């Protein structure tokens, strides 16, 4: 007999729990919303402005780049 989707899911959850895992629920932004892209742009600009205003960060990044470039 073929197991139903619910039975297969229950079996999978039981196996995962037996492996020491537990389920968690994670809420993430809905990328389908019309204002999502504009909000990403707004936050990116804020982060960029904050980075540019932080002289120590810019020095640290320049030094890290120099280490990578050799």
N, C-alpha and C. Protein backbone atom coordinates (compact mmCIF):
# COMPACT_ATOMS: atom_id res chain seq x y z
N UNK A 1 0.83 -1.18 0.00
CA UNK A 1 0.00 0.00 0.00
C UNK A 1 0.88 1.25 0.00
N UNK A 2 0.51 2.25 -0.75
CA UNK A 2 1.27 3.48 -0.86
C UNK A 2 0.96 4.38 0.35
N UNK A 3 2.02 4.92 0.96
CA UNK A 3 1.83 5.80 2.10
C UNK A 3 1.34 7.16 1.63
N UNK A 4 0.49 7.76 2.43
CA UNK A 4 0.01 9.10 2.09
C UNK A 4 1.12 10.11 2.35
N UNK A 5 0.92 11.30 1.84
CA UNK A 5 1.91 12.36 2.04
C UNK A 5 2.09 12.62 3.54
N UNK A 6 1.00 12.67 4.27
CA UNK A 6 1.08 12.92 5.71
C UNK A 6 1.85 11.82 6.43
N UNK A 7 1.64 10.58 6.01
CA UNK A 7 2.36 9.47 6.64
C UNK A 7 3.85 9.53 6.33
N UNK A 8 4.19 9.85 5.08
CA UNK A 8 5.61 9.98 4.72
C UNK A 8 6.26 11.13 5.48
N UNK A 9 5.55 12.25 5.60
CA UNK A 9 6.08 13.40 6.33
C UNK A 9 6.28 13.05 7.80
N UNK A 10 5.33 12.36 8.38
CA UNK A 10 5.45 11.97 9.79
C UNK A 10 6.64 11.04 9.99
N UNK A 11 6.83 10.11 9.06
CA UNK A 11 7.97 9.19 9.14
C UNK A 11 9.28 9.96 9.04
N UNK A 12 9.33 10.93 8.14
CA UNK A 12 10.54 11.74 7.96
C UNK A 12 10.81 12.56 9.23
N UNK A 13 9.78 13.18 9.79
CA UNK A 13 9.95 13.97 11.02
C UNK A 13 10.43 13.09 12.17
N UNK A 14 9.88 11.88 12.26
CA UNK A 14 10.29 10.95 13.32
C UNK A 14 11.77 10.59 13.16
N UNK A 15 12.19 10.34 11.93
CA UNK A 15 13.60 10.00 11.68
C UNK A 15 14.52 11.17 12.02
N UNK A 16 14.10 12.37 11.68
CA UNK A 16 14.92 13.54 12.00
C UNK A 16 15.02 13.75 13.51
N UNK A 17 13.91 13.56 14.21
CA UNK A 17 13.94 13.68 15.68
C UNK A 17 14.85 12.60 16.27
N UNK A 18 14.79 11.40 15.74
CA UNK A 18 15.64 10.31 16.21
C UNK A 18 17.12 10.64 15.98
N UNK A 19 17.40 11.46 14.98
CA UNK A 19 18.78 11.87 14.69
C UNK A 19 19.21 13.05 15.57
N UNK A 20 18.33 13.47 16.49
CA UNK A 20 18.68 14.54 17.40
C UNK A 20 18.34 15.93 16.91
N UNK A 21 17.53 16.02 15.88
CA UNK A 21 17.13 17.31 15.34
C UNK A 21 15.74 17.67 15.84
N UNK A 22 15.44 18.97 15.80
CA UNK A 22 14.09 19.40 16.16
C UNK A 22 13.64 20.46 15.16
N UNK A 23 12.34 20.53 14.93
CA UNK A 23 11.84 21.50 13.96
C UNK A 23 11.82 22.91 14.56
N UNK A 24 12.08 23.88 13.71
CA UNK A 24 11.96 25.28 14.10
C UNK A 24 11.23 26.01 12.98
N UNK A 25 10.62 27.12 13.34
CA UNK A 25 9.92 27.92 12.35
C UNK A 25 10.72 29.20 12.15
N UNK A 26 11.00 29.54 10.91
CA UNK A 26 11.77 30.73 10.59
C UNK A 26 10.93 31.62 9.68
N UNK A 27 10.78 32.86 10.07
CA UNK A 27 10.05 33.82 9.27
C UNK A 27 11.05 34.65 8.48
N UNK A 28 10.83 34.76 7.20
CA UNK A 28 11.71 35.52 6.33
C UNK A 28 10.89 36.56 5.56
N UNK A 29 11.55 37.60 5.07
CA UNK A 29 10.81 38.61 4.30
C UNK A 29 10.17 37.99 3.05
N UNK A 30 9.01 38.50 2.70
CA UNK A 30 8.30 38.03 1.52
C UNK A 30 8.82 38.81 0.32
N UNK A 31 9.63 38.15 -0.49
CA UNK A 31 10.26 38.80 -1.64
C UNK A 31 9.26 39.10 -2.75
N UNK A 32 8.04 38.61 -2.62
CA UNK A 32 7.03 38.86 -3.66
C UNK A 32 6.29 40.18 -3.46
N UNK A 33 6.45 40.79 -2.30
CA UNK A 33 5.74 42.04 -2.04
C UNK A 33 6.26 43.16 -2.94
N UNK A 34 5.40 44.07 -3.36
CA UNK A 34 5.82 45.12 -4.29
C UNK A 34 6.88 46.06 -3.72
N UNK A 35 6.88 46.27 -2.41
CA UNK A 35 7.84 47.22 -1.84
C UNK A 35 9.15 46.55 -1.40
N UNK A 36 9.29 45.25 -1.60
CA UNK A 36 10.48 44.54 -1.13
C UNK A 36 11.76 45.09 -1.76
N UNK A 37 11.77 45.27 -3.06
CA UNK A 37 12.96 45.75 -3.75
C UNK A 37 13.35 47.14 -3.28
N UNK A 38 12.37 48.02 -3.13
CA UNK A 38 12.65 49.38 -2.68
C UNK A 38 13.22 49.37 -1.26
N UNK A 39 12.70 48.50 -0.40
CA UNK A 39 13.20 48.41 0.97
C UNK A 39 14.63 47.88 0.98
N UNK A 40 14.95 46.93 0.12
CA UNK A 40 16.33 46.43 0.01
C UNK A 40 17.27 47.55 -0.41
N UNK A 41 16.84 48.32 -1.38
CA UNK A 41 17.64 49.45 -1.85
C UNK A 41 17.86 50.46 -0.73
N UNK A 42 16.81 50.78 0.01
CA UNK A 42 16.90 51.74 1.11
C UNK A 42 17.89 51.27 2.17
N UNK A 43 17.79 50.01 2.55
CA UNK A 43 18.68 49.48 3.58
C UNK A 43 20.12 49.39 3.08
N UNK A 44 20.31 49.07 1.82
CA UNK A 44 21.66 49.01 1.24
C UNK A 44 22.31 50.39 1.25
N UNK A 45 21.54 51.41 0.92
CA UNK A 45 22.07 52.77 0.94
C UNK A 45 22.45 53.20 2.35
N UNK A 46 21.60 52.84 3.33
CA UNK A 46 21.92 53.17 4.72
C UNK A 46 23.22 52.49 5.17
N UNK A 47 23.36 51.22 4.82
CA UNK A 47 24.57 50.48 5.19
C UNK A 47 25.79 51.07 4.51
N UNK A 48 25.66 51.44 3.24
CA UNK A 48 26.77 52.02 2.50
C UNK A 48 27.20 53.35 3.11
N UNK A 49 26.22 54.18 3.45
CA UNK A 49 26.53 55.48 4.07
C UNK A 49 27.23 55.29 5.42
N UNK A 50 26.77 54.32 6.20
CA UNK A 50 27.38 54.05 7.50
C UNK A 50 28.81 53.56 7.32
N UNK A 51 29.04 52.70 6.33
CA UNK A 51 30.39 52.20 6.07
C UNK A 51 31.32 53.32 5.65
N UNK A 52 30.86 54.20 4.79
CA UNK A 52 31.70 55.30 4.32
C UNK A 52 32.03 56.28 5.45
N UNK A 53 31.15 56.41 6.41
CA UNK A 53 31.37 57.32 7.53
C UNK A 53 32.30 56.73 8.58
N UNK A 54 32.60 55.45 8.49
CA UNK A 54 33.44 54.77 9.48
C UNK A 54 34.86 54.64 8.93
N UNK A 55 35.73 55.60 9.30
CA UNK A 55 37.10 55.62 8.78
C UNK A 55 37.88 54.38 9.20
N UNK A 56 37.66 53.91 10.43
CA UNK A 56 38.38 52.72 10.89
C UNK A 56 38.01 51.50 10.07
N UNK A 57 36.75 51.38 9.73
CA UNK A 57 36.31 50.25 8.91
C UNK A 57 36.97 50.30 7.54
N UNK A 58 36.99 51.48 6.95
CA UNK A 58 37.59 51.61 5.62
C UNK A 58 39.07 51.26 5.67
N UNK A 59 39.78 51.68 6.72
CA UNK A 59 41.20 51.35 6.86
C UNK A 59 41.37 49.84 7.02
N UNK A 60 40.52 49.23 7.83
CA UNK A 60 40.57 47.78 8.04
C UNK A 60 40.34 47.04 6.72
N UNK A 61 39.36 47.48 5.95
CA UNK A 61 39.07 46.83 4.68
C UNK A 61 40.22 47.00 3.69
N UNK A 62 40.82 48.19 3.67
CA UNK A 62 41.97 48.42 2.80
C UNK A 62 43.14 47.50 3.17
N UNK A 63 43.39 47.35 4.49
CA UNK A 63 44.47 46.48 4.94
C UNK A 63 44.16 45.02 4.60
N UNK A 64 42.91 44.61 4.76
CA UNK A 64 42.54 43.23 4.44
C UNK A 64 42.71 42.98 2.94
N UNK A 65 42.34 43.94 2.13
CA UNK A 65 42.51 43.80 0.69
C UNK A 65 43.99 43.71 0.32
N UNK A 66 44.83 44.50 0.98
CA UNK A 66 46.26 44.44 0.72
C UNK A 66 46.82 43.06 1.06
N UNK A 67 46.32 42.45 2.15
CA UNK A 67 46.77 41.11 2.53
C UNK A 67 46.36 40.09 1.47
N UNK A 68 45.17 40.22 0.92
CA UNK A 68 44.68 39.28 -0.08
C UNK A 68 45.44 39.45 -1.39
N UNK A 69 45.65 40.71 -1.77
CA UNK A 69 46.35 40.99 -3.02
C UNK A 69 47.84 40.64 -2.93
N UNK A 70 48.37 40.56 -1.72
CA UNK A 70 49.76 40.20 -1.52
C UNK A 70 50.62 41.40 -1.61
